[in-house]
Amino acid sequence: EPFNNISLTKKAERIKYDIRSCQIKMSEYADCLRSTYIDKVKGIITEAEFIDFSRDFNEKNRFTKKHLKFLNQNSKRLNFRLRKSSIKKQLLNFM
């Protein structure tokens, strides 16, 4: 039982790290899209290049959002299991 709880804790920590990574990626995609737009306005890239870049950024962002949703769901499940395990442990110690 204690080993299982440690394993759950490690999984929860990993998911928390992955969630933060996704949030950083999404922020970077938004920054890249803004930068690319500025390049288009300045004439550094063409309208067609901007459309291609923005389509790519939006696709990556959409995938990352889906992954983030999946991670958040798993995080909730793991946290529920950890709380359940902690309560169980407290009850066993109380007896």
C-alpha atoms as a PDB file:
ATOM      1  CA  GLU A   1       0.000   0.000   0.000  1.00  0.00           C
ATOM      2  CA  PRO A   2       2.693   2.630   0.835  1.00  0.00           C
ATOM      3  CA  PHE A   3       4.526   1.748  -2.399  1.00  0.00           C
ATOM      4  CA  ASN A   4       1.322   2.323  -4.346  1.00  0.00           C
ATOM      5  CA  ASN A   5       0.895   5.739  -2.743  1.00  0.00           C
ATOM      6  CA  ILE A   6       4.473   6.705  -3.651  1.00  0.00           C
ATOM      7  CA  SER A   7       3.843   5.600  -7.218  1.00  0.00           C
ATOM      8  CA  LEU A   8       0.661   7.693  -7.357  1.00  0.00           C
ATOM      9  CA  THR A   9       2.526  10.683  -5.951  1.00  0.00           C
ATOM     10  CA  LYS A  10       5.248  10.356  -8.589  1.00  0.00           C
ATOM     11  CA  LYS A  11       2.630  10.099 -11.338  1.00  0.00           C
ATOM     12  CA  ALA A  12       0.879  13.196  -9.998  1.00  0.00           C
ATOM     13  CA  GLU A  13       4.173  15.115  -9.947  1.00  0.00           C
ATOM     14  CA  ARG A  14       4.918  14.063 -13.525  1.00  0.00           C
ATOM     15  CA  ILE A  15       1.479  15.145 -14.697  1.00  0.00           C
ATOM     16  CA  LYS A  16       1.920  18.491 -12.933  1.00  0.00           C
ATOM     17  CA  TYR A  17       5.235  18.945 -14.771  1.00  0.00           C
ATOM     18  CA  ASP A  18       3.618  17.989 -18.105  1.00  0.00           C
ATOM     19  CA  ILE A  19       0.742  20.426 -17.512  1.00  0.00           C
ATOM     20  CA  ARG A  20       3.217  23.237 -16.908  1.00  0.00           C
ATOM     21  CA  SER A  21       5.127  22.246 -20.071  1.00  0.00           C
ATOM     22  CA  CYS A  22       1.913  22.425 -22.112  1.00  0.00           C
ATOM     23  CA  GLN A  23       1.099  25.851 -20.682  1.00  0.00           C
ATOM     24  CA  ILE A  24       4.570  27.090 -21.609  1.00  0.00           C
ATOM     25  CA  LYS A  25       4.233  25.686 -25.143  1.00  0.00           C
ATOM     26  CA  MET A  26       0.884  27.395 -25.619  1.00  0.00           C
ATOM     27  CA  SER A  27       2.374  30.693 -24.488  1.00  0.00           C
ATOM     28  CA  GLU A  28       5.302  30.219 -26.881  1.00  0.00           C
ATOM     29  CA  TYR A  29       2.902  29.483 -29.774  1.00  0.00           C
ATOM     30  CA  ALA A  30       1.005  32.711 -29.035  1.00  0.00           C
ATOM     31  CA  ASP A  31       4.294  34.663 -28.929  1.00  0.00           C
ATOM     32  CA  CYS A  32       5.440  33.113 -32.204  1.00  0.00           C
ATOM     33  CA  LEU A  33       2.151  33.936 -33.875  1.00  0.00           C
ATOM     34  CA  ARG A  34       2.378  37.585 -32.737  1.00  0.00           C
ATOM     35  CA  SER A  35       5.974  37.782 -33.915  1.00  0.00           C
ATOM     36  CA  THR A  36       5.070  36.254 -37.259  1.00  0.00           C
ATOM     37  CA  TYR A  37       2.246  38.756 -37.680  1.00  0.00           C
ATOM     38  CA  ILE A  38       4.647  41.626 -36.999  1.00  0.00           C
ATOM     39  CA  ASP A  39       7.004  40.171 -39.623  1.00  0.00           C
ATOM     40  CA  LYS A  40       4.107  40.128 -42.102  1.00  0.00           C
ATOM     41  CA  VAL A  41       3.190  43.741 -41.311  1.00  0.00           C
ATOM     42  CA  LYS A  42       6.828  44.802 -41.767  1.00  0.00           C
ATOM     43  CA  GLY A  43       6.963  42.967 -45.094  1.00  0.00           C
ATOM     44  CA  ILE A  44       9.585  40.474 -43.918  1.00  0.00           C
ATOM     45  CA  ILE A  45       7.320  37.568 -44.857  1.00  0.00           C
ATOM     46  CA  THR A  46       4.472  37.315 -47.355  1.00  0.00           C
ATOM     47  CA  GLU A  47       0.777  36.908 -46.602  1.00  0.00           C
ATOM     48  CA  ALA A  48       0.964  33.295 -47.821  1.00  0.00           C
ATOM     49  CA  GLU A  49       3.906  32.552 -45.510  1.00  0.00           C
ATOM     50  CA  PHE A  50       2.026  34.118 -42.606  1.00  0.00           C
ATOM     51  CA  ILE A  51      -1.021  31.954 -43.342  1.00  0.00           C
ATOM     52  CA  ASP A  52       1.146  28.818 -43.437  1.00  0.00           C
ATOM     53  CA  PHE A  53       2.914  29.730 -40.190  1.00  0.00           C
ATOM     54  CA  SER A  54      -0.312  30.641 -38.411  1.00  0.00           C
ATOM     55  CA  ARG A  55      -2.000  27.428 -39.566  1.00  0.00           C
ATOM     56  CA  ASP A  56       0.953  25.439 -38.177  1.00  0.00           C
ATOM     57  CA  PHE A  57       0.936  27.329 -34.847  1.00  0.00           C
ATOM     58  CA  ASN A  58      -2.832  26.935 -34.512  1.00  0.00           C
ATOM     59  CA  GLU A  59      -2.638  23.197 -35.239  1.00  0.00           C
ATOM     60  CA  LYS A  60       0.095  22.711 -32.635  1.00  0.00           C
ATOM     61  CA  ASN A  61      -1.846  24.819 -30.149  1.00  0.00           C
ATOM     62  CA  ARG A  62      -5.027  22.801 -30.742  1.00  0.00           C
ATOM     63  CA  PHE A  63      -3.141  19.539 -30.156  1.00  0.00           C
ATOM     64  CA  THR A  64      -1.515  20.947 -27.013  1.00  0.00           C
ATOM     65  CA  LYS A  65      -4.912  22.081 -25.664  1.00  0.00           C
ATOM     66  CA  LYS A  66      -6.320  18.579 -26.175  1.00  0.00           C
ATOM     67  CA  HIS A  67      -3.315  17.076 -24.430  1.00  0.00           C
ATOM     68  CA  LEU A  68      -3.659  19.591 -21.588  1.00  0.00           C
ATOM     69  CA  LYS A  69      -7.317  18.629 -21.139  1.00  0.00           C
ATOM     70  CA  PHE A  70      -6.305  14.949 -20.993  1.00  0.00           C
ATOM     71  CA  LEU A  71      -3.589  15.716 -18.421  1.00  0.00           C
ATOM     72  CA  ASN A  72      -5.985  17.744 -16.263  1.00  0.00           C
ATOM     73  CA  GLN A  73      -8.482  14.883 -16.250  1.00  0.00           C
ATOM     74  CA  ASN A  74      -5.761  12.427 -15.224  1.00  0.00           C
ATOM     75  CA  SER A  75      -4.547  14.829 -12.560  1.00  0.00           C
ATOM     76  CA  LYS A  76      -8.028  15.013 -11.039  1.00  0.00           C
ATOM     77  CA  ARG A  77      -8.310  11.209 -11.029  1.00  0.00           C
ATOM     78  CA  LEU A  78      -4.900  10.786  -9.411  1.00  0.00           C
ATOM     79  CA  ASN A  79      -5.573  13.434  -6.786  1.00  0.00           C
ATOM     80  CA  PHE A  80      -8.850  11.697  -5.936  1.00  0.00           C
ATOM     81  CA  ARG A  81      -7.025   8.374  -5.568  1.00  0.00           C
ATOM     82  CA  LEU A  82      -4.333  10.004  -3.406  1.00  0.00           C
ATOM     83  CA  ARG A  83      -6.948  11.572  -1.121  1.00  0.00           C
ATOM     84  CA  LYS A  84      -8.796   8.263  -0.900  1.00  0.00           C
ATOM     85  CA  SER A  85      -5.539   6.463  -0.044  1.00  0.00           C
ATOM     86  CA  SER A  86      -4.650   9.086   2.561  1.00  0.00           C
ATOM     87  CA  ILE A  87      -8.047   8.788   4.244  1.00  0.00           C
ATOM     88  CA  LYS A  88      -7.744   5.012   4.232  1.00  0.00           C
ATOM     89  CA  LYS A  89      -4.297   5.283   5.847  1.00  0.00           C
ATOM     90  CA  GLN A  90      -5.625   7.658   8.525  1.00  0.00           C
ATOM     91  CA  LEU A  91      -8.464   5.275   9.327  1.00  0.00           C
ATOM     92  CA  LEU A  92      -6.077   2.320   9.621  1.00  0.00           C
ATOM     93  CA  ASN A  93      -3.797   4.323  11.927  1.00  0.00           C
ATOM     94  CA  PHE A  94      -6.772   5.369  14.026  1.00  0.00           C
ATOM     95  CA  MET A  95      -7.842   1.763  14.627  1.00  0.00           C
END
